[in-house]
Amino acid sequence: MNSFAFSTSMPPSVNSMFATDFKTKRRFISKDYAAWRKAEALSVGQSWRRSGSPKFENHLSLTVHLGLNYRSDIDGRLKALCDLLAHAIPDFPDDRYIDHITVERTPGIDGARVLIMQGYPPREAP
């Protein structure tokens, strides 16, 4: 079973990932999000290569620890992390193939810590 763990600075909230041009009503990636994604994709990509470049296919599991206080939602940071995987890891499956995500608020750590694991087959709902 392939796995890969990495750390990033705190991902932006989904509310700050995109901006709107009110003249054209079009949405686009915000400058802050683009800068975060570029910097973190470089760092995560280097870590991935140092760890032997594990390959991932469908049926993935993510465990995410976020160093957040209680003034911020924990689920609003997942979109940026999931999208980062596709930018940082060559041939990484689209995030629609993530079957299981565990997110924990972990005060005392800086940023985010993520573990990707291959092989989490979907289960029937209870």
C-alpha atoms as a PDB file:
ATOM      1  CA  MET A   1       0.000   0.000   0.000  1.00  0.00           C
ATOM      2  CA  ASN A   2       1.519   3.328  -1.068  1.00  0.00           C
ATOM      3  CA  SER A   3       1.540   6.242   1.331  1.00  0.00           C
ATOM      4  CA  PHE A   4       3.054   9.696   1.492  1.00  0.00           C
ATOM      5  CA  ALA A   5       3.127  12.262   4.303  1.00  0.00           C
ATOM      6  CA  PHE A   6       3.912  15.950   3.973  1.00  0.00           C
ATOM      7  CA  SER A   7       3.510  19.306   5.709  1.00  0.00           C
ATOM      8  CA  THR A   8       2.458  22.660   4.317  1.00  0.00           C
ATOM      9  CA  SER A   9       1.893  26.138   5.600  1.00  0.00           C
ATOM     10  CA  MET A  10      -1.740  26.772   6.505  1.00  0.00           C
ATOM     11  CA  PRO A  11      -3.867  26.377   3.366  1.00  0.00           C
ATOM     12  CA  PRO A  12      -6.144  29.271   2.518  1.00  0.00           C
ATOM     13  CA  SER A  13      -9.810  29.085   3.322  1.00  0.00           C
ATOM     14  CA  VAL A  14     -12.068  28.242   0.402  1.00  0.00           C
ATOM     15  CA  ASN A  15     -13.564  31.715   0.909  1.00  0.00           C
ATOM     16  CA  SER A  16     -10.249  33.345  -0.007  1.00  0.00           C
ATOM     17  CA  MET A  17      -9.211  31.036  -2.852  1.00  0.00           C
ATOM     18  CA  PHE A  18     -11.159  32.834  -5.529  1.00  0.00           C
ATOM     19  CA  ALA A  19     -12.018  36.414  -6.379  1.00  0.00           C
ATOM     20  CA  THR A  20     -14.679  37.907  -8.633  1.00  0.00           C
ATOM     21  CA  ASP A  21     -14.340  40.512 -11.329  1.00  0.00           C
ATOM     22  CA  PHE A  22     -17.572  42.376 -10.731  1.00  0.00           C
ATOM     23  CA  LYS A  23     -17.538  43.937 -14.191  1.00  0.00           C
ATOM     24  CA  THR A  24     -17.506  40.590 -16.006  1.00  0.00           C
ATOM     25  CA  LYS A  25     -18.970  38.477 -13.166  1.00  0.00           C
ATOM     26  CA  ARG A  26     -16.144  35.979 -13.723  1.00  0.00           C
ATOM     27  CA  ARG A  27     -14.376  34.124 -10.928  1.00  0.00           C
ATOM     28  CA  PHE A  28     -10.625  33.627 -10.886  1.00  0.00           C
ATOM     29  CA  ILE A  29      -7.928  32.308  -8.575  1.00  0.00           C
ATOM     30  CA  SER A  30      -6.870  34.927  -6.032  1.00  0.00           C
ATOM     31  CA  LYS A  31      -3.267  36.155  -5.983  1.00  0.00           C
ATOM     32  CA  ASP A  32      -2.753  34.875  -2.421  1.00  0.00           C
ATOM     33  CA  TYR A  33      -4.027  31.398  -3.301  1.00  0.00           C
ATOM     34  CA  ALA A  34      -1.936  31.260  -6.489  1.00  0.00           C
ATOM     35  CA  ALA A  35       1.189  32.218  -4.505  1.00  0.00           C
ATOM     36  CA  TRP A  36       0.449  29.623  -1.775  1.00  0.00           C
ATOM     37  CA  ARG A  37      -0.213  26.881  -4.327  1.00  0.00           C
ATOM     38  CA  LYS A  38       2.950  27.650  -6.297  1.00  0.00           C
ATOM     39  CA  ALA A  39       5.198  27.643  -3.219  1.00  0.00           C
ATOM     40  CA  GLU A  40       3.633  24.567  -1.634  1.00  0.00           C
ATOM     41  CA  ALA A  41       3.518  22.589  -4.897  1.00  0.00           C
ATOM     42  CA  LEU A  42       7.271  23.035  -5.206  1.00  0.00           C
ATOM     43  CA  SER A  43       7.858  21.929  -1.610  1.00  0.00           C
ATOM     44  CA  VAL A  44       5.442  18.968  -1.724  1.00  0.00           C
ATOM     45  CA  GLY A  45       6.795  17.866  -5.105  1.00  0.00           C
ATOM     46  CA  GLN A  46      10.350  17.809  -3.728  1.00  0.00           C
ATOM     47  CA  SER A  47       9.225  15.826  -0.672  1.00  0.00           C
ATOM     48  CA  TRP A  48       7.350  13.389  -2.920  1.00  0.00           C
ATOM     49  CA  ARG A  49      10.465  12.775  -5.033  1.00  0.00           C
ATOM     50  CA  ARG A  50      12.650  12.336  -1.919  1.00  0.00           C
ATOM     51  CA  SER A  51      10.188   9.721  -0.626  1.00  0.00           C
ATOM     52  CA  GLY A  52      10.601   7.589  -3.748  1.00  0.00           C
ATOM     53  CA  SER A  53       7.831   9.096  -5.896  1.00  0.00           C
ATOM     54  CA  PRO A  54       5.035   6.755  -4.784  1.00  0.00           C
ATOM     55  CA  LYS A  55       2.310   6.241  -7.391  1.00  0.00           C
ATOM     56  CA  PHE A  56      -1.344   6.623  -6.510  1.00  0.00           C
ATOM     57  CA  GLU A  57      -4.477   5.340  -8.203  1.00  0.00           C
ATOM     58  CA  ASN A  58      -8.184   5.534  -7.383  1.00  0.00           C
ATOM     59  CA  HIS A  59      -9.483   4.809  -3.856  1.00  0.00           C
ATOM     60  CA  LEU A  60      -7.430   7.102  -1.665  1.00  0.00           C
ATOM     61  CA  SER A  61      -7.621   8.080   1.967  1.00  0.00           C
ATOM     62  CA  LEU A  62      -6.410  11.374   3.448  1.00  0.00           C
ATOM     63  CA  THR A  63      -5.691  12.185   7.062  1.00  0.00           C
ATOM     64  CA  VAL A  64      -5.285  15.907   7.667  1.00  0.00           C
ATOM     65  CA  HIS A  65      -4.176  17.714  10.830  1.00  0.00           C
ATOM     66  CA  LEU A  66      -4.670  21.485  10.872  1.00  0.00           C
ATOM     67  CA  GLY A  67      -3.069  23.793  13.408  1.00  0.00           C
ATOM     68  CA  LEU A  68      -6.155  25.989  13.746  1.00  0.00           C
ATOM     69  CA  ASN A  69      -7.731  27.787  16.647  1.00  0.00           C
ATOM     70  CA  TYR A  70     -11.504  27.839  17.014  1.00  0.00           C
ATOM     71  CA  ARG A  71     -12.063  30.979  14.944  1.00  0.00           C
ATOM     72  CA  SER A  72     -11.804  29.071  11.673  1.00  0.00           C
ATOM     73  CA  ASP A  73     -13.680  26.157  10.114  1.00  0.00           C
ATOM     74  CA  ILE A  74     -11.593  23.067   9.497  1.00  0.00           C
ATOM     75  CA  ASP A  75     -13.484  21.942   6.407  1.00  0.00           C
ATOM     76  CA  GLY A  76     -12.860  25.181   4.511  1.00  0.00           C
ATOM     77  CA  ARG A  77      -9.161  24.311   4.130  1.00  0.00           C
ATOM     78  CA  LEU A  78      -9.620  20.955   2.407  1.00  0.00           C
ATOM     79  CA  LYS A  79     -10.277  22.232  -1.116  1.00  0.00           C
ATOM     80  CA  ALA A  80      -6.888  23.940  -1.317  1.00  0.00           C
ATOM     81  CA  LEU A  81      -5.102  20.833   0.008  1.00  0.00           C
ATOM     82  CA  CYS A  82      -6.887  18.459  -2.365  1.00  0.00           C
ATOM     83  CA  ASP A  83      -6.209  20.698  -5.355  1.00  0.00           C
ATOM     84  CA  LEU A  84      -2.554  21.025  -4.296  1.00  0.00           C
ATOM     85  CA  LEU A  85      -2.071  17.277  -4.703  1.00  0.00           C
ATOM     86  CA  ALA A  86      -2.875  17.437  -8.416  1.00  0.00           C
ATOM     87  CA  HIS A  87      -0.450  20.329  -8.899  1.00  0.00           C
ATOM     88  CA  ALA A  88       2.411  18.865  -6.859  1.00  0.00           C
ATOM     89  CA  ILE A  89       2.365  15.138  -7.663  1.00  0.00           C
ATOM     90  CA  PRO A  90       2.647  14.011 -11.291  1.00  0.00           C
ATOM     91  CA  ASP A  91      -0.209  11.763 -12.444  1.00  0.00           C
ATOM     92  CA  PHE A  92      -2.040  12.131  -9.125  1.00  0.00           C
ATOM     93  CA  PRO A  93      -5.683  11.069  -9.527  1.00  0.00           C
ATOM     94  CA  ASP A  94      -8.303  13.791  -9.443  1.00  0.00           C
ATOM     95  CA  ASP A  95      -9.599  14.489  -5.942  1.00  0.00           C
ATOM     96  CA  ARG A  96     -12.926  12.895  -6.862  1.00  0.00           C
ATOM     97  CA  TYR A  97     -11.149   9.557  -6.267  1.00  0.00           C
ATOM     98  CA  ILE A  98     -10.558  10.310  -2.594  1.00  0.00           C
ATOM     99  CA  ASP A  99     -12.932   7.978  -0.760  1.00  0.00           C
ATOM    100  CA  HIS A 100     -12.166   8.893   2.820  1.00  0.00           C
ATOM    101  CA  ILE A 101     -10.961  12.060   4.554  1.00  0.00           C
ATOM    102  CA  THR A 102     -10.283  12.516   8.259  1.00  0.00           C
ATOM    103  CA  VAL A 103      -9.666  16.083   9.410  1.00  0.00           C
ATOM    104  CA  GLU A 104      -8.508  16.981  12.894  1.00  0.00           C
ATOM    105  CA  ARG A 105      -7.959  20.329  14.531  1.00  0.00           C
ATOM    106  CA  THR A 106      -4.523  20.043  16.146  1.00  0.00           C
ATOM    107  CA  PRO A 107      -3.629  23.216  18.037  1.00  0.00           C
ATOM    108  CA  GLY A 108       0.084  23.620  18.537  1.00  0.00           C
ATOM    109  CA  ILE A 109       1.256  22.563  15.071  1.00  0.00           C
ATOM    110  CA  ASP A 110       2.078  25.033  12.342  1.00  0.00           C
ATOM    111  CA  GLY A 111       0.119  24.720   9.124  1.00  0.00           C
ATOM    112  CA  ALA A 112      -1.146  21.374   7.908  1.00  0.00           C
ATOM    113  CA  ARG A 113       0.118  17.805   8.040  1.00  0.00           C
ATOM    114  CA  VAL A 114      -1.284  15.387   5.489  1.00  0.00           C
ATOM    115  CA  LEU A 115      -1.059  11.613   5.040  1.00  0.00           C
ATOM    116  CA  ILE A 116      -2.174  10.075   1.730  1.00  0.00           C
ATOM    117  CA  MET A 117      -2.834   6.340   1.682  1.00  0.00           C
ATOM    118  CA  GLN A 118      -3.701   4.146  -1.264  1.00  0.00           C
ATOM    119  CA  GLY A 119      -6.349   1.457  -0.990  1.00  0.00           C
ATOM    120  CA  TYR A 120      -9.411   2.646   0.873  1.00  0.00           C
ATOM    121  CA  PRO A 121     -12.253   0.826  -0.875  1.00  0.00           C
ATOM    122  CA  PRO A 122     -15.668   2.443  -0.538  1.00  0.00           C
ATOM    123  CA  ARG A 123     -18.015   0.900   2.008  1.00  0.00           C
ATOM    124  CA  GLU A 124     -21.781   0.766   2.133  1.00  0.00           C
ATOM    125  CA  ALA A 125     -23.413   3.502   4.142  1.00  0.00           C
ATOM    126  CA  PRO A 126     -24.707   2.336   7.542  1.00  0.00           C
END
